[in-house]
Protein backbone atom coordinates (compact mmCIF):
# COMPACT_ATOMS: atom_id res chain seq x y z
CA MET A 1 -30.52 -9.15 46.95
CA SER A 2 -30.10 -12.96 46.30
CA SER A 3 -31.02 -14.11 42.80
CA PRO A 4 -33.21 -16.26 41.56
CA GLU A 5 -31.30 -19.40 41.21
CA SER A 6 -30.12 -18.36 45.08
CA MET A 7 -34.10 -18.86 46.39
CA PRO A 8 -36.08 -22.33 46.40
CA VAL A 9 -39.08 -23.37 43.83
CA VAL A 10 -41.86 -25.59 44.00
CA HIS A 11 -43.32 -26.88 41.19
CA VAL A 12 -46.90 -27.93 41.66
CA VAL A 13 -48.32 -30.28 38.33
CA ASP A 14 -52.23 -30.13 38.20
CA ASP A 15 -54.72 -30.52 36.18
CA GLU A 16 -57.37 -28.90 37.74
CA ALA A 17 -57.00 -25.35 37.09
CA PRO A 18 -58.86 -23.78 40.28
CA PHE A 19 -57.44 -26.23 42.78
CA ARG A 20 -53.32 -25.90 41.00
CA ARG A 21 -54.29 -21.83 41.67
CA SER A 22 -55.10 -22.58 44.96
CA LEU A 23 -51.97 -23.83 45.67
CA LEU A 24 -49.71 -21.65 44.13
CA PHE A 25 -51.76 -18.82 45.94
CA LEU A 26 -51.23 -20.62 49.21
CA LEU A 27 -47.38 -21.06 48.93
CA GLU A 28 -46.78 -17.57 47.87
CA SER A 29 -48.49 -16.34 50.39
CA VAL A 30 -46.32 -17.18 52.95
CA GLY A 31 -43.17 -16.49 50.84
CA TRP A 32 -42.29 -19.56 48.78
CA GLN A 33 -41.76 -19.06 45.22
CA ALA A 34 -44.26 -21.29 43.06
CA VAL A 35 -44.34 -22.41 39.15
CA GLY A 36 -47.81 -24.00 38.32
CA HIS A 37 -47.78 -26.57 35.31
CA ASP A 38 -51.01 -28.20 34.14
CA SER A 39 -49.74 -31.69 32.94
CA ALA A 40 -46.98 -33.60 33.51
CA GLU A 41 -46.17 -32.70 29.39
CA ALA A 42 -45.96 -28.80 30.39
CA PHE A 43 -43.64 -29.66 32.93
CA LEU A 44 -41.36 -31.77 30.67
CA GLN A 45 -41.85 -29.57 28.01
CA VAL A 46 -39.85 -26.56 30.43
CA ALA A 47 -37.74 -28.81 31.82
CA PRO A 48 -36.91 -27.10 34.72
CA GLU A 49 -33.73 -27.50 36.35
CA LEU A 50 -33.07 -27.83 40.53
CA HIS A 51 -30.95 -24.46 40.79
CA ALA A 52 -28.60 -24.93 44.48
CA GLY A 53 -31.56 -22.94 46.19
CA GLY A 54 -33.39 -25.94 46.29
CA GLY A 55 -36.99 -27.05 45.65
CA CYS A 56 -39.41 -30.25 45.32
CA LEU A 57 -42.38 -31.30 42.54
CA VAL A 58 -45.86 -31.31 43.29
CA LEU A 59 -47.88 -34.65 41.68
CA ASP A 60 -50.94 -35.20 41.39
CA ILE A 61 -51.09 -39.07 41.07
CA ARG A 62 -54.03 -39.63 37.92
CA MET A 63 -53.35 -36.96 35.32
CA PRO A 64 -54.69 -37.62 31.72
CA ARG A 65 -52.15 -39.20 29.30
CA ILE A 66 -48.53 -38.74 31.64
CA SER A 67 -49.60 -40.14 34.96
CA GLY A 68 -47.83 -38.80 38.06
CA LEU A 69 -46.26 -42.05 38.66
CA GLU A 70 -45.05 -42.10 34.84
CA LEU A 71 -43.41 -38.54 35.32
CA GLN A 72 -41.94 -39.85 38.74
CA ARG A 73 -40.86 -42.74 36.53
CA ARG A 74 -39.08 -40.45 33.72
CA LEU A 75 -37.90 -38.45 35.86
CA ARG A 76 -35.82 -40.68 38.23
CA ALA A 77 -35.16 -42.96 34.64
CA ALA A 78 -33.12 -39.34 34.25
CA GLY A 79 -31.82 -38.70 37.66
CA SER A 80 -33.28 -36.28 38.10
CA PRO A 81 -32.95 -34.47 42.04
CA PHE A 82 -36.06 -32.98 42.62
CA PRO A 83 -37.78 -34.89 45.59
CA ILE A 84 -41.28 -35.39 44.51
CA ILE A 85 -44.36 -34.66 46.84
CA PHE A 86 -47.26 -36.81 45.58
CA MET A 87 -51.49 -35.91 46.06
CA THR A 88 -53.63 -38.51 45.95
CA GLY A 89 -57.53 -39.18 45.82
CA HIS A 90 -59.56 -41.01 47.60
CA GLY A 91 -58.71 -44.55 46.90
CA GLU A 92 -55.65 -44.41 45.90
CA VAL A 93 -53.49 -44.63 48.89
CA GLU A 94 -52.07 -47.99 47.13
CA LEU A 95 -50.99 -45.59 44.25
CA ALA A 96 -49.35 -43.42 46.73
CA VAL A 97 -47.06 -46.81 48.43
CA GLN A 98 -45.84 -47.77 45.25
CA ALA A 99 -44.48 -44.07 44.19
CA MET A 100 -43.57 -43.72 48.49
CA LYS A 101 -41.47 -47.48 47.43
CA ASN A 102 -39.95 -45.63 44.09
CA GLY A 103 -38.26 -42.24 45.95
CA ALA A 104 -41.20 -40.15 46.69
CA VAL A 105 -40.82 -38.21 49.83
CA ASP A 106 -44.39 -38.10 50.71
CA PHE A 107 -47.96 -38.17 49.45
CA LEU A 108 -50.47 -36.21 50.20
CA GLN A 109 -54.38 -37.57 50.46
CA LYS A 110 -56.94 -34.74 48.66
CA PRO A 111 -58.44 -32.61 50.71
CA PHE A 112 -55.45 -31.44 52.79
CA LYS A 113 -54.74 -29.08 55.40
CA ASP A 114 -52.32 -26.13 54.42
CA GLN A 115 -50.21 -26.01 57.80
CA LEU A 116 -49.33 -30.11 56.66
CA PHE A 117 -48.86 -29.10 52.70
CA LEU A 118 -46.89 -26.47 54.36
CA ASP A 119 -44.82 -28.64 56.30
CA THR A 120 -44.20 -31.50 53.95
CA ILE A 121 -42.77 -28.29 51.00
CA GLU A 122 -40.49 -27.50 54.03
CA ARG A 123 -39.31 -31.35 53.95
CA ALA A 124 -39.10 -31.64 50.26
CA VAL A 125 -36.96 -28.29 50.26
CA GLN A 126 -34.45 -29.55 53.29
CA LEU A 127 -33.65 -32.65 51.30
CA SER A 128 -33.36 -30.88 47.93
CA LEU A 129 -30.38 -29.24 49.26
CA GLU A 130 -29.09 -32.05 51.09
CA ARG A 131 -29.17 -33.77 47.82
CA HIS A 132 -27.36 -30.13 46.06
CA ALA A 133 -24.55 -30.74 48.89
CA ALA A 134 -23.99 -33.86 48.43
CA ASN A 135 -24.20 -34.41 44.44
CA ARG A 136 -21.44 -31.04 44.73
CA ARG A 137 -19.61 -33.27 47.39
CA HIS A 138 -18.88 -35.68 44.71
CA ARG A 139 -18.53 -34.06 42.42
CA GLU A 140 -15.42 -31.87 43.81
CA ALA A 141 -14.35 -35.10 45.34
CA ARG A 142 -14.09 -36.79 41.48
CA GLU A 143 -12.71 -33.40 39.72
CA VAL A 144 -9.32 -34.06 42.69
CA LEU A 145 -9.22 -37.96 42.26
CA ASP A 146 -9.03 -37.44 38.45
CA ARG A 147 -5.40 -35.67 39.06
CA LEU A 148 -4.05 -39.12 39.77
CA SER A 149 -2.70 -40.95 37.18
CA VAL A 150 -3.91 -45.05 36.80
CA ARG A 151 -1.34 -46.31 38.63
CA GLU A 152 -1.36 -42.98 41.49
CA TYR A 153 -5.35 -44.10 42.07
CA GLU A 154 -4.58 -47.93 42.98
CA VAL A 155 -1.69 -46.71 45.52
CA ALA A 156 -4.23 -44.36 47.33
CA ARG A 157 -6.82 -47.28 47.12
CA LEU A 158 -4.43 -49.79 48.68
CA LEU A 159 -3.93 -46.97 51.37
CA ALA A 160 -7.19 -45.59 52.07
CA LEU A 161 -7.86 -49.55 52.81
CA GLY A 162 -4.31 -49.51 55.39
CA LEU A 163 -1.93 -51.55 53.48
CA ALA A 164 1.37 -50.67 54.34
CA ASN A 165 3.64 -49.52 51.42
CA LYS A 166 5.93 -53.02 51.56
CA GLU A 167 1.98 -54.65 51.22
CA ALA A 168 0.67 -52.40 48.78
CA ALA A 169 3.74 -52.93 46.30
CA ARG A 170 3.31 -56.38 46.78
CA GLN A 171 -0.17 -56.24 45.56
CA LEU A 172 0.45 -54.10 42.88
CA ASN A 173 4.21 -56.06 42.04
CA ILE A 174 6.09 -53.07 42.19
CA SER A 175 8.69 -52.09 44.32
CA ASP A 176 8.66 -50.10 48.22
CA ASN A 177 10.26 -47.13 46.83
CA THR A 178 7.76 -46.34 43.48
CA VAL A 179 5.30 -46.80 46.17
CA HIS A 180 6.48 -44.41 48.85
CA VAL A 181 7.25 -42.09 45.78
CA HIS A 182 3.55 -42.65 44.50
CA ARG A 183 2.28 -42.30 47.55
CA GLN A 184 3.95 -38.42 47.99
CA HIS A 185 1.99 -37.56 44.69
CA VAL A 186 -0.82 -38.74 45.44
CA MET A 187 -0.88 -36.49 48.79
CA GLU A 188 0.31 -33.37 47.62
CA LYS A 189 -2.49 -33.75 44.62
CA THR A 190 -5.14 -34.72 46.84
CA GLY A 191 -4.49 -33.10 49.61
CA THR A 192 -4.47 -35.04 52.26
CA SER A 193 -2.37 -35.99 55.02
CA SER A 194 -3.29 -39.76 56.29
CA ALA A 195 -5.23 -42.76 54.84
CA ALA A 196 -8.27 -41.86 56.59
CA GLU A 197 -8.74 -38.49 54.62
CA LEU A 198 -7.58 -40.72 51.17
CA ALA A 199 -10.37 -42.81 52.52
CA ARG A 200 -13.44 -40.42 52.65
CA LEU A 201 -12.04 -38.76 49.89
CA ILE A 202 -11.98 -41.64 47.43
CA LEU A 203 -16.13 -42.49 49.35
CA ARG A 204 -16.93 -39.37 48.62
CA ALA A 205 -16.18 -39.04 44.94
CA ASP A 206 -17.45 -42.91 45.06
CA PRO A 207 -19.30 -44.98 47.80
CA ASN A 208 -18.45 -48.16 46.44
CA GLY A 209 -15.07 -47.27 45.51
CA LEU A 210 -13.31 -49.40 48.38
CA ASP A 211 -15.28 -52.54 47.92
């Protein structure tokens, strides 16, 4: 039996209760776990996490007090991994374009077709799973590289850039033999066997790690 944290959860934030309930009913009728929030404040108060099972956030773009755009801004600033789908009313396309520029997955203009809504949810949840997997790979790579000393990391980086032992030694102003010893330690600690594997590991930990 699947645990709750292994199942995707769709959060719907809309201040119109009948519309919010209709979306929750639609989502649950096709098997999604869905949670409704009547305001951005209510969502922030609960502060749900995006679990390994994935999920997404469906936001009305205009709401009293904290708008959907403001909630998106706050979540981005906090590094939230939630993919966001915006719901817009007539004449709000300009706001929706702004939301897309700020990282929203899509926007749907009310009223929208059920199947279009469900297809967009599917796409956003898939994106959340991809983000979660990428974050996990990043974290694991970072943990592996943290096993290295400062000098070992310097050697690892130069080797990943394709430098031979002699070139790395010259750059670091140490002996060839010292580089050779560090290289062995690096390969043992990281479980890698080539400069290419080392490069992939460093780039998973930091996309700018070889700049």
